[in-house]
Amino acid sequence: MQLGVGIALLAAFPFVAPVALTKPDRATRTLLAQGYTDVRTTGYAYFDCGKGDLFATAFEATSPSGQRVEGAVCSGLLKGNTVRLD
């Protein structure tokens, strides 16, 4: 019985853990402050951020120049936010 529960938890980890590693409100505030509009966060950004980044929030938005863009807002515990575009 315990083995089955352990296997179920491990199988769910890739889907549950990333939710805890996003900061949608922080990402939205960062993007709005930089002139982006129509911001929509889309979950965890799996491969968009660097080694020192703990949080990786994917987004879609309209850039200050008017183009529709996708990317991620990356951040760590002791550092600011970085916007990375795909």
PDB file of N, CA and C in Angstrom:
ATOM      1  N   MET A   1       0.820  -1.192   0.000  1.00  0.00           N
ATOM      2  CA  MET A   1       0.000   0.000   0.000  1.00  0.00           C
ATOM      3  C   MET A   1       0.872   1.268   0.000  1.00  0.00           C
ATOM      4  N   GLN A   2       1.877   1.328   0.866  1.00  0.00           N
ATOM      5  CA  GLN A   2       2.728   2.513   0.937  1.00  0.00           C
ATOM      6  C   GLN A   2       3.530   2.697  -0.346  1.00  0.00           C
ATOM      7  N   LEU A   3       3.950   1.604  -0.949  1.00  0.00           N
ATOM      8  CA  LEU A   3       4.698   1.699  -2.197  1.00  0.00           C
ATOM      9  C   LEU A   3       3.833   2.333  -3.288  1.00  0.00           C
ATOM     10  N   GLY A   4       2.566   1.945  -3.341  1.00  0.00           N
ATOM     11  CA  GLY A   4       1.647   2.503  -4.334  1.00  0.00           C
ATOM     12  C   GLY A   4       1.453   3.998  -4.158  1.00  0.00           C
ATOM     13  N   VAL A   5       1.355   4.444  -2.915  1.00  0.00           N
ATOM     14  CA  VAL A   5       1.201   5.877  -2.637  1.00  0.00           C
ATOM     15  C   VAL A   5       2.466   6.620  -3.043  1.00  0.00           C
ATOM     16  N   GLY A   6       3.621   6.048  -2.745  1.00  0.00           N
ATOM     17  CA  GLY A   6       4.897   6.669  -3.120  1.00  0.00           C
ATOM     18  C   GLY A   6       5.042   6.806  -4.619  1.00  0.00           C
ATOM     19  N   ILE A   7       4.670   5.780  -5.339  1.00  0.00           N
ATOM     20  CA  ILE A   7       4.746   5.817  -6.804  1.00  0.00           C
ATOM     21  C   ILE A   7       3.782   6.875  -7.356  1.00  0.00           C
ATOM     22  N   ALA A   8       2.590   6.953  -6.789  1.00  0.00           N
ATOM     23  CA  ALA A   8       1.616   7.950  -7.243  1.00  0.00           C
ATOM     24  C   ALA A   8       2.136   9.364  -6.999  1.00  0.00           C
ATOM     25  N   LEU A   9       2.765   9.599  -5.848  1.00  0.00           N
ATOM     26  CA  LEU A   9       3.317  10.928  -5.549  1.00  0.00           C
ATOM     27  C   LEU A   9       4.450  11.284  -6.500  1.00  0.00           C
ATOM     28  N   LEU A  10       5.321  10.320  -6.782  1.00  0.00           N
ATOM     29  CA  LEU A  10       6.416  10.581  -7.715  1.00  0.00           C
ATOM     30  C   LEU A  10       5.898  10.862  -9.121  1.00  0.00           C
ATOM     31  N   ALA A  11       4.866  10.154  -9.514  1.00  0.00           N
ATOM     32  CA  ALA A  11       4.292  10.362 -10.845  1.00  0.00           C
ATOM     33  C   ALA A  11       3.644  11.737 -10.954  1.00  0.00           C
ATOM     34  N   ALA A  12       3.082  12.239  -9.864  1.00  0.00           N
ATOM     35  CA  ALA A  12       2.411  13.548  -9.877  1.00  0.00           C
ATOM     36  C   ALA A  12       3.394  14.697  -9.728  1.00  0.00           C
ATOM     37  N   PHE A  13       4.612  14.457  -9.234  1.00  0.00           N
ATOM     38  CA  PHE A  13       5.576  15.523  -8.941  1.00  0.00           C
ATOM     39  C   PHE A  13       5.816  16.474 -10.103  1.00  0.00           C
ATOM     40  N   PRO A  14       6.036  15.998 -11.332  1.00  0.00           N
ATOM     41  CA  PRO A  14       6.289  16.943 -12.433  1.00  0.00           C
ATOM     42  C   PRO A  14       5.130  17.902 -12.693  1.00  0.00           C
ATOM     43  N   PHE A  15       3.935  17.531 -12.273  1.00  0.00           N
ATOM     44  CA  PHE A  15       2.770  18.365 -12.536  1.00  0.00           C
ATOM     45  C   PHE A  15       2.414  19.256 -11.347  1.00  0.00           C
ATOM     46  N   VAL A  16       2.694  18.808 -10.135  1.00  0.00           N
ATOM     47  CA  VAL A  16       2.331  19.543  -8.930  1.00  0.00           C
ATOM     48  C   VAL A  16       3.429  20.521  -8.520  1.00  0.00           C
ATOM     49  N   ALA A  17       4.676  20.096  -8.495  1.00  0.00           N
ATOM     50  CA  ALA A  17       5.784  20.926  -8.016  1.00  0.00           C
ATOM     51  C   ALA A  17       5.943  22.229  -8.798  1.00  0.00           C
ATOM     52  N   PRO A  18       5.856  22.232 -10.127  1.00  0.00           N
ATOM     53  CA  PRO A  18       6.052  23.487 -10.859  1.00  0.00           C
ATOM     54  C   PRO A  18       5.067  24.587 -10.474  1.00  0.00           C
ATOM     55  N   VAL A  19       3.863  24.218 -10.063  1.00  0.00           N
ATOM     56  CA  VAL A  19       2.887  25.234  -9.671  1.00  0.00           C
ATOM     57  C   VAL A  19       3.423  26.043  -8.499  1.00  0.00           C
ATOM     58  N   ALA A  20       4.124  25.389  -7.588  1.00  0.00           N
ATOM     59  CA  ALA A  20       4.696  26.079  -6.429  1.00  0.00           C
ATOM     60  C   ALA A  20       5.891  26.945  -6.827  1.00  0.00           C
ATOM     61  N   LEU A  21       6.422  26.749  -8.007  1.00  0.00           N
ATOM     62  CA  LEU A  21       7.601  27.484  -8.453  1.00  0.00           C
ATOM     63  C   LEU A  21       7.263  28.590  -9.444  1.00  0.00           C
ATOM     64  N   THR A  22       6.028  29.040  -9.417  1.00  0.00           N
ATOM     65  CA  THR A  22       5.621  30.181 -10.224  1.00  0.00           C
ATOM     66  C   THR A  22       5.172  31.307  -9.299  1.00  0.00           C
ATOM     67  N   LYS A  23       5.274  32.521  -9.778  1.00  0.00           N
ATOM     68  CA  LYS A  23       4.831  33.706  -9.041  1.00  0.00           C
ATOM     69  C   LYS A  23       4.023  34.576 -10.003  1.00  0.00           C
ATOM     70  N   PRO A  24       2.778  34.182 -10.314  1.00  0.00           N
ATOM     71  CA  PRO A  24       1.996  34.910 -11.316  1.00  0.00           C
ATOM     72  C   PRO A  24       1.781  36.391 -10.990  1.00  0.00           C
ATOM     73  N   ASP A  25       1.498  36.711  -9.738  1.00  0.00           N
ATOM     74  CA  ASP A  25       1.276  38.120  -9.375  1.00  0.00           C
ATOM     75  C   ASP A  25       2.552  38.939  -9.548  1.00  0.00           C
ATOM     76  N   ARG A  26       3.660  38.378  -9.119  1.00  0.00           N
ATOM     77  CA  ARG A  26       4.959  39.049  -9.248  1.00  0.00           C
ATOM     78  C   ARG A  26       5.321  39.250 -10.719  1.00  0.00           C
ATOM     79  N   ALA A  27       5.083  38.221 -11.526  1.00  0.00           N
ATOM     80  CA  ALA A  27       5.382  38.312 -12.961  1.00  0.00           C
ATOM     81  C   ALA A  27       4.525  39.379 -13.625  1.00  0.00           C
ATOM     82  N   THR A  28       3.241  39.401 -13.302  1.00  0.00           N
ATOM     83  CA  THR A  28       2.335  40.382 -13.893  1.00  0.00           C
ATOM     84  C   THR A  28       2.744  41.799 -13.507  1.00  0.00           C
ATOM     85  N   ARG A  29       3.059  42.032 -12.245  1.00  0.00           N
ATOM     86  CA  ARG A  29       3.504  43.361 -11.805  1.00  0.00           C
ATOM     87  C   ARG A  29       4.771  43.789 -12.538  1.00  0.00           C
ATOM     88  N   THR A  30       5.705  42.864 -12.694  1.00  0.00           N
ATOM     89  CA  THR A  30       6.963  43.163 -13.387  1.00  0.00           C
ATOM     90  C   THR A  30       6.704  43.554 -14.839  1.00  0.00           C
ATOM     91  N   LEU A  31       5.881  42.792 -15.519  1.00  0.00           N
ATOM     92  CA  LEU A  31       5.596  43.058 -16.927  1.00  0.00           C
ATOM     93  C   LEU A  31       4.842  44.374 -17.114  1.00  0.00           C
ATOM     94  N   LEU A  32       3.861  44.644 -16.275  1.00  0.00           N
ATOM     95  CA  LEU A  32       3.114  45.902 -16.368  1.00  0.00           C
ATOM     96  C   LEU A  32       4.031  47.096 -16.121  1.00  0.00           C
ATOM     97  N   ALA A  33       4.961  46.962 -15.168  1.00  0.00           N
ATOM     98  CA  ALA A  33       5.905  48.048 -14.869  1.00  0.00           C
ATOM     99  C   ALA A  33       6.837  48.321 -16.038  1.00  0.00           C
ATOM    100  N   GLN A  34       7.068  47.316 -16.891  1.00  0.00           N
ATOM    101  CA  GLN A  34       7.953  47.492 -18.039  1.00  0.00           C
ATOM    102  C   GLN A  34       7.200  47.856 -19.314  1.00  0.00           C
ATOM    103  N   GLY A  35       5.890  48.108 -19.193  1.00  0.00           N
ATOM    104  CA  GLY A  35       5.131  48.582 -20.338  1.00  0.00           C
ATOM    105  C   GLY A  35       4.373  47.534 -21.119  1.00  0.00           C
ATOM    106  N   TYR A  36       4.375  46.291 -20.665  1.00  0.00           N
ATOM    107  CA  TYR A  36       3.602  45.251 -21.340  1.00  0.00           C
ATOM    108  C   TYR A  36       2.127  45.412 -20.975  1.00  0.00           C
ATOM    109  N   THR A  37       1.243  45.000 -21.876  1.00  0.00           N
ATOM    110  CA  THR A  37      -0.196  45.053 -21.618  1.00  0.00           C
ATOM    111  C   THR A  37      -0.802  43.699 -21.954  1.00  0.00           C
ATOM    112  N   ASP A  38      -2.075  43.535 -21.635  1.00  0.00           N
ATOM    113  CA  ASP A  38      -2.801  42.286 -21.917  1.00  0.00           C
ATOM    114  C   ASP A  38      -2.001  41.072 -21.437  1.00  0.00           C
ATOM    115  N   VAL A  39      -1.473  41.148 -20.224  1.00  0.00           N
ATOM    116  CA  VAL A  39      -0.614  40.094 -19.675  1.00  0.00           C
ATOM    117  C   VAL A  39      -1.465  38.912 -19.224  1.00  0.00           C
ATOM    118  N   ARG A  40      -1.025  37.720 -19.611  1.00  0.00           N
ATOM    119  CA  ARG A  40      -1.671  36.481 -19.168  1.00  0.00           C
ATOM    120  C   ARG A  40      -0.577  35.502 -18.789  1.00  0.00           C
ATOM    121  N   THR A  41      -0.539  35.066 -17.521  1.00  0.00           N
ATOM    122  CA  THR A  41       0.440  34.060 -17.122  1.00  0.00           C
ATOM    123  C   THR A  41      -0.096  32.692 -17.517  1.00  0.00           C
ATOM    124  N   THR A  42       0.825  31.812 -17.915  1.00  0.00           N
ATOM    125  CA  THR A  42       0.404  30.522 -18.474  1.00  0.00           C
ATOM    126  C   THR A  42       1.015  29.324 -17.760  1.00  0.00           C
ATOM    127  N   GLY A  43       1.543  29.531 -16.557  1.00  0.00           N
ATOM    128  CA  GLY A  43       2.071  28.396 -15.794  1.00  0.00           C
ATOM    129  C   GLY A  43       3.573  28.443 -15.631  1.00  0.00           C
ATOM    130  N   TYR A  44       4.133  27.279 -15.425  1.00  0.00           N
ATOM    131  CA  TYR A  44       5.565  27.138 -15.171  1.00  0.00           C
ATOM    132  C   TYR A  44       6.343  27.132 -16.483  1.00  0.00           C
ATOM    133  N   ALA A  45       7.437  27.875 -16.528  1.00  0.00           N
ATOM    134  CA  ALA A  45       8.309  27.927 -17.710  1.00  0.00           C
ATOM    135  C   ALA A  45       9.447  26.924 -17.502  1.00  0.00           C
ATOM    136  N   TYR A  46       9.318  25.755 -18.063  1.00  0.00           N
ATOM    137  CA  TYR A  46      10.227  24.638 -17.781  1.00  0.00           C
ATOM    138  C   TYR A  46      11.689  24.901 -18.119  1.00  0.00           C
ATOM    139  N   PHE A  47      11.998  25.457 -19.269  1.00  0.00           N
ATOM    140  CA  PHE A  47      13.396  25.562 -19.691  1.00  0.00           C
ATOM    141  C   PHE A  47      13.821  26.995 -20.028  1.00  0.00           C
ATOM    142  N   ASP A  48      13.070  27.987 -19.585  1.00  0.00           N
ATOM    143  CA  ASP A  48      13.334  29.365 -19.991  1.00  0.00           C
ATOM    144  C   ASP A  48      14.252  30.152 -19.073  1.00  0.00           C
ATOM    145  N   CYS A  49      14.453  29.703 -17.851  1.00  0.00           N
ATOM    146  CA  CYS A  49      15.200  30.498 -16.884  1.00  0.00           C
ATOM    147  C   CYS A  49      16.569  29.893 -16.583  1.00  0.00           C
ATOM    148  N   GLY A  50      17.387  30.696 -15.905  1.00  0.00           N
ATOM    149  CA  GLY A  50      18.761  30.295 -15.619  1.00  0.00           C
ATOM    150  C   GLY A  50      18.919  29.458 -14.368  1.00  0.00           C
ATOM    151  N   LYS A  51      20.147  29.060 -14.141  1.00  0.00           N
ATOM    152  CA  LYS A  51      20.511  28.192 -13.039  1.00  0.00           C
ATOM    153  C   LYS A  51      20.152  28.767 -11.664  1.00  0.00           C
ATOM    154  N   GLY A  52      20.329  30.069 -11.475  1.00  0.00           N
ATOM    155  CA  GLY A  52      20.069  30.699 -10.190  1.00  0.00           C
ATOM    156  C   GLY A  52      18.624  31.107  -9.956  1.00  0.00           C
ATOM    157  N   ASP A  53      17.762  30.814 -10.918  1.00  0.00           N
ATOM    158  CA  ASP A  53      16.355  31.198 -10.797  1.00  0.00           C
ATOM    159  C   ASP A  53      15.547  30.080 -10.154  1.00  0.00           C
ATOM    160  N   LEU A  54      14.815  30.423  -9.112  1.00  0.00           N
ATOM    161  CA  LEU A  54      13.959  29.450  -8.435  1.00  0.00           C
ATOM    162  C   LEU A  54      12.552  29.473  -9.018  1.00  0.00           C
ATOM    163  N   PHE A  55      12.081  30.672  -9.371  1.00  0.00           N
ATOM    164  CA  PHE A  55      10.732  30.825  -9.901  1.00  0.00           C
ATOM    165  C   PHE A  55      10.784  31.113 -11.396  1.00  0.00           C
ATOM    166  N   ALA A  56       9.881  30.487 -12.144  1.00  0.00           N
ATOM    167  CA  ALA A  56       9.859  30.630 -13.601  1.00  0.00           C
ATOM    168  C   ALA A  56       8.402  30.650 -14.059  1.00  0.00           C
ATOM    169  N   THR A  57       7.896  31.841 -14.338  1.00  0.00           N
ATOM    170  CA  THR A  57       6.491  31.993 -14.705  1.00  0.00           C
ATOM    171  C   THR A  57       6.373  32.338 -16.184  1.00  0.00           C
ATOM    172  N   ALA A  58       5.724  31.459 -16.932  1.00  0.00           N
ATOM    173  CA  ALA A  58       5.516  31.690 -18.368  1.00  0.00           C
ATOM    174  C   ALA A  58       4.394  32.715 -18.561  1.00  0.00           C
ATOM    175  N   PHE A  59       4.472  33.464 -19.663  1.00  0.00           N
ATOM    176  CA  PHE A  59       3.455  34.478 -19.935  1.00  0.00           C
ATOM    177  C   PHE A  59       3.275  34.702 -21.420  1.00  0.00           C
ATOM    178  N   GLU A  60       2.160  35.331 -21.746  1.00  0.00           N
ATOM    179  CA  GLU A  60       1.870  35.902 -23.060  1.00  0.00           C
ATOM    180  C   GLU A  60       1.451  37.336 -22.795  1.00  0.00           C
ATOM    181  N   ALA A  61       1.872  38.266 -23.643  1.00  0.00           N
ATOM    182  CA  ALA A  61       1.533  39.676 -23.431  1.00  0.00           C
ATOM    183  C   ALA A  61       1.757  40.460 -24.723  1.00  0.00           C
ATOM    184  N   THR A  62       1.300  41.695 -24.701  1.00  0.00           N
ATOM    185  CA  THR A  62       1.587  42.630 -25.782  1.00  0.00           C
ATOM    186  C   THR A  62       2.747  43.496 -25.321  1.00  0.00           C
ATOM    187  N   SER A  63       3.810  43.529 -26.112  1.00  0.00           N
ATOM    188  CA  SER A  63       5.017  44.276 -25.752  1.00  0.00           C
ATOM    189  C   SER A  63       4.771  45.775 -25.871  1.00  0.00           C
ATOM    190  N   PRO A  64       5.669  46.580 -25.307  1.00  0.00           N
ATOM    191  CA  PRO A  64       5.531  48.031 -25.435  1.00  0.00           C
ATOM    192  C   PRO A  64       5.499  48.503 -26.895  1.00  0.00           C
ATOM    193  N   SER A  65       6.092  47.726 -27.807  1.00  0.00           N
ATOM    194  CA  SER A  65       6.081  48.103 -29.227  1.00  0.00           C
ATOM    195  C   SER A  65       4.822  47.632 -29.954  1.00  0.00           C
ATOM    196  N   GLY A  66       3.932  46.918 -29.239  1.00  0.00           N
ATOM    197  CA  GLY A  66       2.673  46.492 -29.828  1.00  0.00           C
ATOM    198  C   GLY A  66       2.643  45.073 -30.354  1.00  0.00           C
ATOM    199  N   GLN A  67       3.759  44.359 -30.285  1.00  0.00           N
ATOM    200  CA  GLN A  67       3.800  42.977 -30.778  1.00  0.00           C
ATOM    201  C   GLN A  67       3.351  42.010 -29.685  1.00  0.00           C
ATOM    202  N   ARG A  68       2.699  40.940 -30.096  1.00  0.00           N
ATOM    203  CA  ARG A  68       2.312  39.888 -29.157  1.00  0.00           C
ATOM    204  C   ARG A  68       3.541  39.007 -28.924  1.00  0.00           C
ATOM    205  N   VAL A  69       3.907  38.779 -27.662  1.00  0.00           N
ATOM    206  CA  VAL A  69       5.110  38.019 -27.327  1.00  0.00           C
ATOM    207  C   VAL A  69       4.797  36.958 -26.282  1.00  0.00           C
ATOM    208  N   GLU A  70       5.695  35.977 -26.193  1.00  0.00           N
ATOM    209  CA  GLU A  70       5.650  34.944 -25.165  1.00  0.00           C
ATOM    210  C   GLU A  70       7.011  34.897 -24.502  1.00  0.00           C
ATOM    211  N   GLY A  71       7.048  34.462 -23.268  1.00  0.00           N
ATOM    212  CA  GLY A  71       8.319  34.364 -22.571  1.00  0.00           C
ATOM    213  C   GLY A  71       8.128  33.926 -21.147  1.00  0.00           C
ATOM    214  N   ALA A  72       9.083  34.323 -20.301  1.00  0.00           N
ATOM    215  CA  ALA A  72       9.044  33.949 -18.893  1.00  0.00           C
ATOM    216  C   ALA A  72       9.589  35.082 -18.043  1.00  0.00           C
ATOM    217  N   VAL A  73       9.050  35.197 -16.847  1.00  0.00           N
ATOM    218  CA  VAL A  73       9.627  36.075 -15.845  1.00  0.00           C
ATOM    219  C   VAL A  73      10.331  35.159 -14.859  1.00  0.00           C
ATOM    220  N   CYS A  74      11.637  35.363 -14.719  1.00  0.00           N
ATOM    221  CA  CYS A  74      12.471  34.503 -13.886  1.00  0.00           C
ATOM    222  C   CYS A  74      12.915  35.279 -12.650  1.00  0.00           C
ATOM    223  N   SER A  75      12.983  34.594 -11.515  1.00  0.00           N
ATOM    224  CA  SER A  75      13.444  35.257 -10.292  1.00  0.00           C
ATOM    225  C   SER A  75      13.961  34.226  -9.302  1.00  0.00           C
ATOM    226  N   GLY A  76      14.765  34.720  -8.382  1.00  0.00           N
ATOM    227  CA  GLY A  76      15.317  33.879  -7.325  1.00  0.00           C
ATOM    228  C   GLY A  76      15.004  34.486  -5.981  1.00  0.00           C
ATOM    229  N   LEU A  77      15.512  33.868  -4.934  1.00  0.00           N
ATOM    230  CA  LEU A  77      15.232  34.358  -3.594  1.00  0.00           C
ATOM    231  C   LEU A  77      15.932  35.672  -3.291  1.00  0.00           C
ATOM    232  N   LEU A  78      17.160  35.814  -3.729  1.00  0.00           N
ATOM    233  CA  LEU A  78      17.935  37.007  -3.395  1.00  0.00           C
ATOM    234  C   LEU A  78      18.280  37.843  -4.627  1.00  0.00           C
ATOM    235  N   LYS A  79      17.418  37.829  -5.621  1.00  0.00           N
ATOM    236  CA  LYS A  79      17.662  38.608  -6.831  1.00  0.00           C
ATOM    237  C   LYS A  79      16.351  39.140  -7.368  1.00  0.00           C
ATOM    238  N   GLY A  80      16.440  40.058  -8.278  1.00  0.00           N
ATOM    239  CA  GLY A  80      15.257  40.653  -8.873  1.00  0.00           C
ATOM    240  C   GLY A  80      14.633  39.770  -9.945  1.00  0.00           C
ATOM    241  N   ASN A  81      13.799  40.376 -10.755  1.00  0.00           N
ATOM    242  CA  ASN A  81      13.091  39.666 -11.823  1.00  0.00           C
ATOM    243  C   ASN A  81      13.757  39.928 -13.159  1.00  0.00           C
ATOM    244  N   THR A  82      13.770  38.912 -14.008  1.00  0.00           N
ATOM    245  CA  THR A  82      14.295  39.019 -15.358  1.00  0.00           C
ATOM    246  C   THR A  82      13.221  38.589 -16.329  1.00  0.00           C
ATOM    247  N   VAL A  83      12.962  39.401 -17.354  1.00  0.00           N
ATOM    248  CA  VAL A  83      12.003  39.043 -18.397  1.00  0.00           C
ATOM    249  C   VAL A  83      12.792  38.443 -19.548  1.00  0.00           C
ATOM    250  N   ARG A  84      12.416  37.236 -19.935  1.00  0.00           N
ATOM    251  CA  ARG A  84      13.051  36.556 -21.071  1.00  0.00           C
ATOM    252  C   ARG A  84      11.995  36.262 -22.115  1.00  0.00           C
ATOM    253  N   LEU A  85      12.257  36.645 -23.330  1.00  0.00           N
ATOM    254  CA  LEU A  85      11.315  36.408 -24.418  1.00  0.00           C
ATOM    255  C   LEU A  85      11.716  35.193 -25.220  1.00  0.00           C
ATOM    256  N   ASP A  86      10.699  34.456 -25.694  1.00  0.00           N
ATOM    257  CA  ASP A  86      10.972  33.282 -26.543  1.00  0.00           C
ATOM    258  C   ASP A  86      11.331  33.721 -27.937  1.00  0.00           C
TER     259      ASP A  86
END
